[in-house]
Protein backbone atom coordinates (compact mmCIF):
# COMPACT_ATOMS: atom_id res chain seq x y z
CA MET A 1 -13.51 -0.32 17.52
CA SER A 2 -11.36 -2.13 15.00
CA THR A 3 -7.84 -1.16 14.02
CA ILE A 4 -9.05 -0.38 10.52
CA SER A 5 -11.61 2.02 11.88
CA ARG A 6 -9.01 3.76 13.96
CA ARG A 7 -6.61 4.09 11.05
CA SER A 8 -9.42 5.40 8.91
CA PHE A 9 -10.18 8.04 11.50
CA LEU A 10 -6.56 9.14 11.53
CA GLN A 11 -6.40 9.28 7.77
CA THR A 12 -9.61 11.25 7.65
CA ALA A 13 -8.04 14.02 9.66
CA SER A 14 -4.97 13.94 7.47
CA ALA A 15 -6.72 13.86 4.14
CA LEU A 16 -9.01 16.75 4.91
CA SER A 17 -6.07 19.01 5.69
CA LEU A 18 -3.87 18.12 2.72
CA MET A 19 -3.06 19.61 -0.65
CA ALA A 20 -1.63 17.49 -3.43
CA MET A 21 0.61 17.36 -6.46
CA ALA A 22 0.90 19.72 -9.39
CA PRO A 23 -1.05 18.84 -12.54
CA ALA A 24 2.20 18.34 -14.42
CA ALA A 25 2.98 15.42 -12.15
CA ARG A 26 -0.18 13.67 -13.33
CA ALA A 27 0.97 13.41 -16.90
CA THR A 28 2.65 10.01 -16.57
CA THR A 29 0.61 7.58 -18.66
CA GLY A 30 1.37 4.67 -20.93
CA SER A 31 4.78 3.00 -20.87
CA GLU A 32 8.25 4.52 -20.50
CA LYS A 33 11.72 3.69 -19.19
CA PHE A 34 12.10 3.84 -15.42
CA SER A 35 14.77 4.14 -12.72
CA ARG A 36 15.01 5.66 -9.25
CA ALA A 37 16.88 8.56 -10.85
CA ASP A 38 13.71 9.32 -12.81
CA VAL A 39 11.68 9.69 -9.57
CA VAL A 40 14.38 11.96 -8.13
CA ALA A 41 14.31 14.07 -11.31
CA ARG A 42 10.50 14.33 -11.13
CA ALA A 43 10.67 15.45 -7.49
CA LYS A 44 13.30 18.08 -8.30
CA ALA A 45 11.33 19.43 -11.27
CA LEU A 46 8.14 19.52 -9.21
CA ALA A 47 9.87 21.49 -6.44
CA GLU A 48 10.93 24.13 -8.94
CA ARG A 49 7.29 24.91 -9.75
CA PRO A 50 4.64 26.42 -7.48
CA PHE A 51 2.55 23.91 -5.61
CA LYS A 52 -0.87 23.24 -7.12
CA ALA A 53 -3.62 21.16 -5.61
CA ARG A 54 -4.92 18.22 -7.60
CA SER A 55 -8.59 17.37 -7.97
CA SER A 56 -10.66 15.24 -5.63
CA VAL A 57 -12.76 12.31 -6.69
CA PRO A 58 -16.44 13.09 -7.48
CA ASP A 59 -18.68 14.15 -4.60
CA ASP A 60 -20.74 10.95 -4.53
CA TRP A 61 -17.57 8.97 -3.78
CA LEU A 62 -16.83 11.25 -0.82
CA ALA A 63 -20.43 11.04 0.41
CA MET A 64 -20.30 7.27 1.02
CA SER A 65 -20.88 6.06 4.55
CA TYR A 66 -18.27 3.91 6.22
CA ASP A 67 -20.42 0.79 5.75
CA GLN A 68 -20.97 1.61 2.06
CA TYR A 69 -17.23 2.10 1.50
CA ARG A 70 -16.41 -1.17 3.25
CA SER A 71 -19.02 -3.03 1.16
CA ILE A 72 -16.97 -2.50 -2.02
CA GLN A 73 -14.11 -4.94 -1.61
CA PHE A 74 -11.14 -5.71 -3.82
CA ASP A 75 -11.29 -9.01 -5.69
CA VAL A 76 -7.97 -10.73 -4.93
CA ASP A 77 -8.30 -12.79 -8.10
CA LYS A 78 -7.76 -9.51 -9.97
CA ALA A 79 -4.67 -8.45 -8.03
CA LEU A 80 -1.59 -7.23 -9.86
CA TRP A 81 0.46 -10.31 -10.83
CA ALA A 82 -2.31 -12.69 -9.74
CA ASN A 83 -2.15 -16.08 -11.49
CA THR A 84 1.52 -15.58 -12.35
CA ASP A 85 4.67 -17.09 -10.87
CA ARG A 86 5.76 -13.75 -9.38
CA SER A 87 6.36 -13.90 -5.63
CA TYR A 88 4.11 -10.95 -4.72
CA ASN A 89 0.54 -9.85 -5.44
CA VAL A 90 -0.72 -6.29 -5.08
CA ASP A 91 -4.30 -5.40 -4.10
CA PHE A 92 -5.69 -1.91 -4.59
CA PHE A 93 -7.87 0.25 -2.34
CA LEU A 94 -10.96 2.16 -3.33
CA PRO A 95 -10.91 5.97 -3.36
CA GLY A 96 -13.59 8.05 -1.70
CA LEU A 97 -14.89 8.52 1.83
CA TYR A 98 -11.75 9.59 3.71
CA PHE A 99 -9.46 9.36 0.65
CA GLU A 100 -10.42 12.28 -1.54
CA ARG A 101 -7.42 12.43 -3.88
CA PRO A 102 -6.34 9.23 -5.66
CA VAL A 103 -2.77 8.21 -6.31
CA LEU A 104 -1.15 7.06 -9.55
CA VAL A 105 0.22 3.53 -9.60
CA HIS A 106 2.65 2.04 -12.12
CA ALA A 107 4.08 -1.43 -12.60
CA VAL A 108 7.74 -1.69 -13.58
CA GLU A 109 8.87 -4.73 -15.57
CA ASP A 110 12.26 -5.06 -17.24
CA GLY A 111 12.95 -1.38 -16.63
CA ILE A 112 9.71 -0.23 -18.30
CA SER A 113 7.02 1.56 -16.33
CA THR A 114 3.37 1.05 -17.27
CA SER A 115 0.53 2.95 -15.61
CA ILE A 116 -2.25 0.94 -13.98
CA PRO A 117 -5.59 2.62 -14.74
CA PHE A 118 -8.42 2.62 -12.23
CA ASP A 119 -10.87 -0.21 -12.85
CA ILE A 120 -14.01 -0.56 -10.71
CA GLY A 121 -14.26 -4.07 -12.17
CA ARG A 122 -11.45 -5.13 -9.82
CA PHE A 123 -13.89 -4.76 -6.90
CA LYS A 124 -16.80 -6.82 -5.60
CA THR A 125 -19.96 -5.01 -4.50
CA HIS A 126 -22.93 -5.86 -2.32
CA PRO A 127 -26.05 -4.58 -4.14
CA GLU A 128 -28.07 -4.17 -0.96
CA ILE A 129 -25.42 -1.81 0.54
CA SER A 130 -23.06 -0.60 -2.20
CA PRO A 131 -24.15 2.66 -3.90
CA GLU A 132 -24.14 3.40 -7.61
CA LEU A 133 -21.14 5.64 -8.19
CA SER A 134 -20.25 7.97 -11.05
CA GLN A 135 -17.47 6.76 -13.32
CA GLU A 136 -16.48 10.16 -14.68
CA GLY A 137 -13.87 12.49 -13.26
CA PRO A 138 -10.49 12.08 -11.55
CA LEU A 139 -10.77 8.47 -10.33
CA GLY A 140 -7.90 6.32 -9.16
CA TYR A 141 -6.84 4.03 -6.36
CA SER A 142 -6.30 5.37 -2.84
CA GLY A 143 -3.42 2.99 -2.11
CA PHE A 144 -2.46 -0.66 -2.11
CA ARG A 145 -1.39 -3.63 -0.02
CA LEU A 146 1.32 -6.21 -0.58
CA ARG A 147 0.80 -9.96 -0.23
CA THR A 148 3.31 -12.81 -0.41
CA ASP A 149 3.82 -16.35 0.87
CA LEU A 150 4.66 -16.01 4.57
CA GLY A 151 4.97 -19.74 5.15
CA ASP A 152 1.47 -20.42 6.49
CA ARG A 153 1.59 -24.14 7.32
CA ASP A 154 -2.19 -24.45 7.15
CA HIS A 155 -2.36 -22.79 3.71
CA PRO A 156 0.81 -23.62 1.73
CA GLY A 157 1.49 -21.14 -1.04
CA LYS A 158 -1.14 -18.65 0.19
CA LYS A 159 -0.18 -15.03 -0.32
CA THR A 160 -0.85 -13.15 2.93
CA GLU A 161 -1.09 -9.40 3.48
CA PHE A 162 1.77 -7.78 5.43
CA CYS A 163 2.16 -4.16 4.23
CA VAL A 164 -0.16 -1.25 3.31
CA PHE A 165 0.40 2.17 1.74
CA GLN A 166 -2.70 4.38 2.06
CA GLY A 167 -3.50 7.91 3.23
CA ALA A 168 -1.11 10.87 2.84
CA SER A 169 2.40 9.42 3.28
CA TYR A 170 1.29 6.80 5.81
CA PHE A 171 2.28 3.16 5.55
CA ARG A 172 2.32 0.22 7.94
CA ALA A 173 3.61 -3.33 8.08
CA ILE A 174 3.69 -6.37 10.34
CA ALA A 175 6.05 -9.18 11.14
CA ASN A 176 4.84 -12.76 10.93
CA GLY A 177 2.28 -13.34 13.68
CA ASN A 178 1.61 -9.62 14.27
CA ASN A 179 -1.61 -7.66 13.85
CA TYR A 180 -1.51 -4.16 12.40
CA GLY A 181 -0.77 -1.46 14.94
CA LEU A 182 1.36 1.65 14.61
CA SER A 183 2.13 3.40 11.32
CA ALA A 184 5.10 5.15 9.74
CA ARG A 185 5.14 8.17 7.45
CA GLY A 186 7.41 9.43 4.75
CA LEU A 187 7.82 12.82 6.43
CA ALA A 188 6.25 14.90 9.19
CA LEU A 189 6.12 18.70 9.01
CA LYS A 190 5.30 21.09 11.85
CA THR A 191 3.88 18.45 14.16
CA ALA A 192 2.17 20.08 17.16
CA ASP A 193 2.99 23.56 15.81
CA PRO A 194 0.39 26.22 16.72
CA GLU A 195 0.02 27.12 13.03
CA GLY A 196 -1.01 23.57 12.20
CA GLU A 197 0.62 20.45 10.83
CA GLU A 198 1.33 19.89 7.14
CA PHE A 199 0.88 16.38 5.73
CA PRO A 200 3.00 15.60 2.66
CA GLU A 201 1.38 13.07 0.34
CA PHE A 202 2.69 10.18 -1.70
CA VAL A 203 1.10 11.01 -5.05
CA SER A 204 2.60 8.40 -7.41
CA PHE A 205 3.96 4.88 -6.88
CA TRP A 206 6.08 2.56 -9.00
CA LEU A 207 6.04 -1.15 -8.11
CA GLU A 208 8.97 -3.21 -9.36
CA ALA A 209 7.81 -6.62 -10.53
CA PRO A 210 9.49 -9.33 -8.41
CA GLY A 211 10.90 -12.55 -9.81
CA PRO A 212 9.28 -15.94 -9.02
CA LEU A 213 11.53 -16.66 -6.01
CA GLN A 214 12.37 -13.08 -5.00
CA ASP A 215 12.23 -12.42 -1.25
CA ASN A 216 12.01 -8.63 -1.36
CA MET A 217 9.69 -6.15 -3.01
CA VAL A 218 10.77 -2.67 -4.16
CA VAL A 219 8.35 0.27 -4.10
CA HIS A 220 9.11 3.81 -5.30
CA ALA A 221 7.05 6.85 -4.33
CA LEU A 222 6.85 10.51 -5.36
CA MET A 223 5.94 12.94 -2.57
CA ASP A 224 4.46 16.42 -2.88
CA SER A 225 3.25 19.12 -0.49
CA PRO A 226 3.26 22.92 -0.31
CA SER A 227 6.67 22.92 1.43
CA VAL A 228 8.60 19.99 -0.04
CA THR A 229 8.78 17.27 -2.67
CA GLY A 230 10.53 13.95 -2.34
CA ALA A 231 11.55 10.69 -4.00
CA TYR A 232 11.41 7.51 -1.89
CA ARG A 233 12.60 3.96 -2.47
CA PHE A 234 11.41 1.17 -0.15
CA ASP A 235 13.19 -2.19 -0.30
CA ILE A 236 10.79 -4.40 1.68
CA THR A 237 11.53 -7.90 2.99
CA PRO A 238 8.80 -9.58 5.06
CA GLY A 239 9.52 -11.95 7.92
CA ASN A 240 10.49 -11.68 11.59
CA PRO A 241 11.07 -8.75 11.54
CA CYS A 242 9.65 -7.16 8.39
CA VAL A 243 12.53 -4.96 7.19
CA MET A 244 12.31 -1.86 5.02
CA ASP A 245 15.44 -0.15 3.72
CA VAL A 246 14.45 3.41 2.86
CA GLU A 247 16.20 5.87 0.54
CA ALA A 248 14.70 9.35 0.59
CA THR A 249 15.64 12.45 -1.39
CA LEU A 250 13.93 15.71 -0.40
CA PHE A 251 13.68 19.01 -2.27
CA PRO A 252 12.34 21.77 0.02
CA ARG A 253 10.21 24.45 -1.63
CA LYS A 254 10.40 26.41 1.62
CA ASP A 255 12.81 26.38 4.54
CA LEU A 256 11.89 23.33 6.61
CA THR A 257 12.26 24.69 10.13
CA HIS A 258 10.40 21.80 11.74
CA ALA A 259 10.91 18.59 9.79
CA GLY A 260 10.29 15.16 11.30
CA LEU A 261 12.40 12.39 9.74
CA ALA A 262 11.33 8.74 9.86
CA PRO A 263 8.15 9.67 11.76
CA LEU A 264 6.15 7.03 13.64
CA THR A 265 2.52 7.33 14.69
CA SER A 266 0.88 5.18 17.37
CA MET A 267 -1.79 5.03 20.08
CA PHE A 268 -1.48 4.99 23.86
CA LEU A 269 -4.68 5.28 25.86
CA PHE A 270 -3.89 3.83 29.28
CA ASP A 271 -2.00 1.28 31.33
CA GLY A 272 -1.43 0.85 35.05
CA THR A 273 0.00 4.37 35.41
CA ASN A 274 -3.24 6.14 34.43
CA HIS A 275 -5.95 3.45 34.50
CA GLN A 276 -7.91 5.42 37.11
CA ARG A 277 -8.95 7.88 34.36
CA PHE A 278 -10.76 5.18 32.36
CA ASP A 279 -13.74 3.07 33.36
CA ASP A 280 -12.64 0.05 31.31
CA PHE A 281 -12.53 -3.67 32.10
CA ARG A 282 -9.20 -4.00 30.31
CA PRO A 283 -5.96 -3.42 32.29
CA ALA A 284 -4.33 -1.59 29.36
CA VAL A 285 -5.07 -0.26 25.86
CA HIS A 286 -2.19 0.76 23.62
CA ASP A 287 -0.37 -0.02 20.37
CA SER A 288 2.95 1.04 21.89
CA ASP A 289 4.05 1.46 25.49
CA GLY A 290 7.41 3.21 25.25
CA LEU A 291 9.96 5.14 23.24
CA LEU A 292 13.29 3.32 22.95
CA MET A 293 16.46 5.19 21.96
CA LYS A 294 20.10 4.32 21.43
CA ASN A 295 21.92 7.62 21.24
CA GLY A 296 25.13 8.53 19.48
CA GLN A 297 27.16 7.63 22.58
CA GLY A 298 25.64 4.15 22.70
CA GLU A 299 23.47 4.91 25.72
CA VAL A 300 20.14 3.01 25.73
CA LEU A 301 17.15 5.01 26.99
CA TRP A 302 13.56 3.96 27.71
CA ARG A 303 10.74 6.46 28.05
CA PRO A 304 7.32 4.99 28.98
CA LEU A 305 4.51 6.60 26.99
CA ALA A 306 1.78 8.70 28.55
CA ASN A 307 -1.67 9.95 27.66
CA PRO A 308 -1.42 13.42 29.15
CA THR A 309 -4.23 15.79 30.01
CA ARG A 310 -2.35 18.48 28.06
CA LEU A 311 -0.25 18.27 24.93
CA GLN A 312 3.32 17.22 25.76
CA VAL A 313 6.39 17.54 23.54
CA SER A 314 9.67 16.00 24.72
CA SER A 315 13.01 16.41 22.96
CA PHE A 316 16.01 14.14 23.52
CA VAL A 317 19.02 16.00 22.13
CA ASP A 318 21.55 13.85 20.31
CA GLN A 319 24.26 13.67 17.65
CA ASN A 320 24.07 10.92 15.03
CA PRO A 321 21.56 8.65 16.78
CA MET A 322 22.07 4.91 16.44
CA GLY A 323 18.36 4.12 16.62
CA PHE A 324 14.96 5.01 18.01
CA GLY A 325 11.48 3.60 17.87
CA LEU A 326 8.11 2.97 19.48
CA MET A 327 7.94 -0.40 21.22
CA GLN A 328 5.16 -2.70 22.37
CA ARG A 329 6.72 -4.65 25.25
CA ALA A 330 3.51 -5.95 26.81
CA ARG A 331 3.19 -9.30 25.03
CA LYS A 332 0.69 -11.39 27.02
CA LEU A 333 -3.03 -11.53 26.31
CA SER A 334 -3.55 -10.96 30.03
CA ASP A 335 -1.75 -7.60 29.74
CA PHE A 336 -4.81 -6.31 27.84
CA ALA A 337 -7.58 -8.94 28.26
CA ASP A 338 -8.90 -7.95 24.82
CA LEU A 339 -10.02 -10.92 22.75
CA GLU A 340 -10.78 -8.80 19.66
CA ALA A 341 -8.11 -6.10 19.36
CA HIS A 342 -5.17 -8.39 20.29
CA TYR A 343 -3.00 -5.49 21.39
CA HIS A 344 -0.36 -7.96 22.56
CA ARG A 345 0.31 -8.79 18.90
CA ARG A 346 0.94 -5.23 17.71
CA PRO A 347 4.42 -4.68 16.23
CA SER A 348 7.21 -2.52 17.56
CA LEU A 349 8.98 -0.30 15.03
CA TRP A 350 12.71 0.45 15.20
CA VAL A 351 14.47 3.11 13.09
CA GLU A 352 18.18 2.74 12.31
CA PRO A 353 19.67 5.82 10.62
CA ARG A 354 22.33 5.19 7.98
CA GLY A 355 25.11 7.72 7.52
CA ASP A 356 25.54 11.04 9.28
CA TRP A 357 22.28 12.53 10.54
CA GLY A 358 24.14 15.24 12.45
CA ALA A 359 22.79 17.18 15.41
CA GLY A 360 19.16 17.19 16.40
CA SER A 361 16.75 15.48 18.73
CA VAL A 362 14.43 12.52 18.95
CA THR A 363 11.09 14.24 19.48
CA LEU A 364 8.12 12.65 21.21
CA VAL A 365 4.66 14.19 20.92
CA GLU A 366 1.94 12.94 23.29
CA ILE A 367 -1.58 14.20 22.59
CA PRO A 368 -4.50 13.86 25.03
CA ALA A 369 -6.98 11.20 23.92
CA ASP A 370 -10.17 9.78 25.39
CA LYS A 371 -10.74 6.92 22.92
CA GLU A 372 -8.56 4.28 21.31
CA ILE A 373 -9.63 5.38 17.82
CA TYR A 374 -7.16 8.28 18.04
CA ASP A 375 -3.50 7.88 17.18
CA ASN A 376 -2.12 10.28 19.77
CA ILE A 377 1.60 9.43 19.80
CA VAL A 378 4.19 10.72 17.30
CA ALA A 379 7.95 10.18 17.38
CA TYR A 380 10.55 11.37 14.88
CA TRP A 381 14.05 12.76 14.40
CA ARG A 382 14.14 16.55 14.20
CA PRO A 383 17.32 18.01 12.67
CA LYS A 384 18.80 20.91 14.62
CA ASP A 385 19.33 23.07 11.52
CA PRO A 386 16.54 23.77 9.02
CA TYR A 387 16.67 22.32 5.52
CA ALA A 388 16.93 25.34 3.24
CA ALA A 389 14.65 25.93 0.28
CA GLY A 390 16.24 24.96 -3.03
CA THR A 391 18.61 22.38 -1.52
CA ARG A 392 18.72 18.60 -1.86
CA VAL A 393 18.62 16.32 1.19
CA ASP A 394 19.50 12.62 0.94
CA LEU A 395 18.57 10.25 3.77
CA ASN A 396 18.92 6.52 4.33
CA TYR A 397 17.49 4.45 7.16
CA ARG A 398 16.13 1.01 8.02
CA LEU A 399 12.71 0.28 9.53
CA SER A 400 12.24 -3.02 11.39
CA TRP A 401 8.67 -4.07 12.25
CA GLY A 402 8.33 -6.81 14.86
CA GLU A 403 9.46 -7.55 18.40
CA GLY A 404 12.01 -4.73 18.63
CA PRO A 405 15.81 -4.71 18.58
CA LYS A 406 17.96 -7.13 20.54
CA LEU A 407 20.05 -4.91 22.79
CA ASP A 408 22.46 -6.18 25.44
CA LEU A 409 21.08 -4.46 28.53
CA PRO A 410 18.12 -5.64 30.64
CA ARG A 411 14.90 -4.04 29.45
CA VAL A 412 12.29 -2.21 31.48
CA ILE A 413 9.14 -4.32 31.27
CA ASP A 414 6.82 -2.38 33.57
CA THR A 415 6.45 1.01 35.25
CA ALA A 416 3.96 1.64 38.03
CA SER A 417 3.14 4.70 40.10
CA GLY A 418 0.98 5.44 43.09
CA ALA A 419 0.60 7.46 46.25
CA LYS A 420 2.69 6.53 49.28
CA ILE A 421 0.39 4.81 51.76
CA PHE A 422 2.64 4.95 54.79
CA GLY A 423 5.11 7.56 56.06
CA ASP A 424 5.64 11.00 54.57
CA PRO A 425 3.42 12.26 51.74
CA GLY A 426 4.59 11.72 48.18
CA ARG A 427 4.62 9.34 45.25
CA LEU A 428 6.06 5.87 44.81
CA MET A 429 7.63 4.73 41.53
CA VAL A 430 8.21 1.04 40.77
CA ILE A 431 10.29 -0.14 37.80
CA ASP A 432 10.56 -3.79 36.79
CA PHE A 433 13.56 -4.98 34.77
CA GLU A 434 13.34 -8.24 32.82
CA ALA A 435 15.26 -11.41 33.70
CA HIS A 436 18.83 -11.22 32.43
CA PRO A 437 22.12 -13.04 33.08
CA ILE A 438 23.55 -9.94 34.73
CA PHE A 439 20.94 -10.33 37.48
CA GLU A 440 22.60 -13.52 38.68
CA ALA A 441 24.47 -11.08 40.91
CA ALA A 442 22.87 -10.06 44.21
CA PRO A 443 20.83 -6.81 44.40
CA GLU A 444 23.47 -5.26 46.68
CA ASP A 445 26.08 -5.68 43.90
CA PHE A 446 24.38 -2.97 41.84
CA ASP A 447 24.66 0.79 42.17
CA ILE A 448 21.37 2.67 41.97
CA HIS A 449 21.40 6.00 40.16
CA ILE A 450 18.23 8.09 40.54
CA SER A 451 18.01 11.80 39.77
CA SER A 452 15.66 14.64 38.94
CA PRO A 453 16.31 18.26 37.97
CA HIS A 454 13.24 19.30 39.97
CA LEU A 455 13.52 17.68 43.40
CA GLU A 456 15.20 15.18 45.69
CA THR A 457 14.21 11.52 45.53
CA SER A 458 14.71 8.66 47.94
CA ALA A 459 17.80 6.49 47.51
CA GLY A 460 15.83 3.60 46.03
CA ILE A 461 15.46 -0.07 46.97
CA LEU A 462 16.46 -2.89 44.61
CA GLU A 463 15.14 -6.40 45.11
CA ARG A 464 14.64 -9.53 43.08
CA ASN A 465 11.19 -10.09 41.56
CA PRO A 466 10.42 -13.82 41.82
CA GLU A 467 7.57 -13.57 39.32
CA THR A 468 9.67 -12.16 36.47
CA GLY A 469 13.11 -13.40 37.43
CA GLY A 470 14.39 -9.85 37.05
CA MET A 471 14.90 -6.95 39.42
CA ARG A 472 12.48 -4.39 40.83
CA LEU A 473 13.59 -0.85 41.69
CA ALA A 474 11.36 1.29 43.91
CA PHE A 475 11.84 4.89 45.04
CA SER A 476 9.73 7.80 46.19
CA PHE A 477 9.52 11.55 45.77
CA ASP A 478 7.34 14.38 47.00
CA PRO A 479 6.22 16.68 44.15
CA GLY A 480 4.77 19.25 46.53
CA GLU A 481 3.20 22.00 44.44
CA GLN A 482 4.97 21.02 41.24
CA THR A 483 2.77 19.99 38.32
CA HIS A 484 5.39 17.94 36.52
CA VAL A 485 8.62 16.19 37.47
CA GLU A 486 11.31 14.69 35.23
CA LEU A 487 12.85 11.50 36.60
CA ARG A 488 15.82 9.37 35.60
CA ALA A 489 16.98 5.99 36.93
CA GLN A 490 19.56 3.37 35.98
CA LEU A 491 21.30 0.38 37.48
CA ARG A 492 25.09 0.16 37.17
CA LYS A 493 27.58 -2.54 38.12
CA ASP A 494 31.35 -2.16 38.39
CA GLY A 495 31.05 1.28 36.82
CA ALA A 496 29.22 0.06 33.70
CA ALA A 497 25.56 0.23 32.67
CA ALA A 498 23.55 -2.71 34.02
CA SER A 499 20.16 -1.59 32.68
CA GLU A 500 18.55 0.80 30.28
CA VAL A 501 18.24 4.40 31.39
CA TRP A 502 14.66 4.84 32.52
CA LEU A 503 13.21 8.30 31.85
CA TYR A 504 9.81 9.42 33.07
CA ARG A 505 7.73 12.58 33.19
CA TRP A 506 5.32 12.59 36.11
CA THR A 507 2.44 15.04 35.76
CA VAL A 508 -0.53 15.96 37.94
């Protein structure tokens, strides 16, 4: 199934469980002065009133089939700022089907905001498939995408899509040469809580008109949900990587006891560690294969992702994290053998907090999944202390979409597991580290550190991998009757880190 189909499935689940903004927040029409301070003021005023759900689009829009919805396509010749010298164009998405509540969109030029009314005339239809739809009621766009000149040598001057905002507070972007993969969100609330997750929505957007040669694009968003409101500013610069500088101001209506900051959402179905569960010709299927962290002490940690048989939540306690993100390190077509999905081109996403984020934990949620249409991986920063109702919370961070950060230590490029064939019963773990100048030293020059809070492991064997040019570490353990085992491994040299810290949760 296509990436779009999978994203649509995710957004379906989100949209059906959401509430939306208060009617008073819908009153912005016509033209008026605009600044980020205005969005912050709107969010604060909205938080001081009880939450009220906004109306859905008419029923016939929601009753469309997926093929009918896809048959009504935006006409790029009618994009915002089309046929002008501005450096960006904006295309709009149709409401309906999975997207039951439209958003308000405004263009900002010379400090003046002007609302952009919904116009079905911006779309092309296919009479043999496209239904006749009512034009009365609360209609509006469901989101938008950004296009700019990305330097396509075969099509000079062509404006190419690289960023999308659509569905709750979801958005996604790609670096040059990437295909869409994982998504980000403005905020996550109560993820994996027994009482159910809450999905805050972006309900209004303001798009600052770029100059003719401007590299970046600035997008403002107003968020609303039963528990919190927020004002967001995205300063977006495409390229390698695509960089977003995010300013967020939150106003909790209720105490936020389980808030997820800078949340990321991805898909991991299988790789070599669990391929036996899937009858699939492909060696792997995933948008991301690991969680990368650089904690407040500068320690670099790598946690391979899993598709568990039961819900798993892992917390990595920290103080003022330097960065975290979901990575796609498998970069060869042969890693996936998928000529359509091109999983090897999916972006990694790295979060760099700005300022003091205090105490908390990077939280990883892994949800059982049996199909690649499900986004079953969530990662975010969870503050230790709740955000109290009636307070103001200001956050700043950078999102980098692309190959992932350039860190000094050798990276883990593969993890494999299997039963011991010879000797005592147990499991064998094999970790491959990439080629790196530090590996010019002999294997015996490195100290191997392997540990587990649950059991004893073997001492480990380190040897050079002639295929990768890096090192391979192998060790074994016997889980006995235990159903899960936490494992940790790292190479050190002369008392200093010589690899990432590898973390793994083995489960039955």
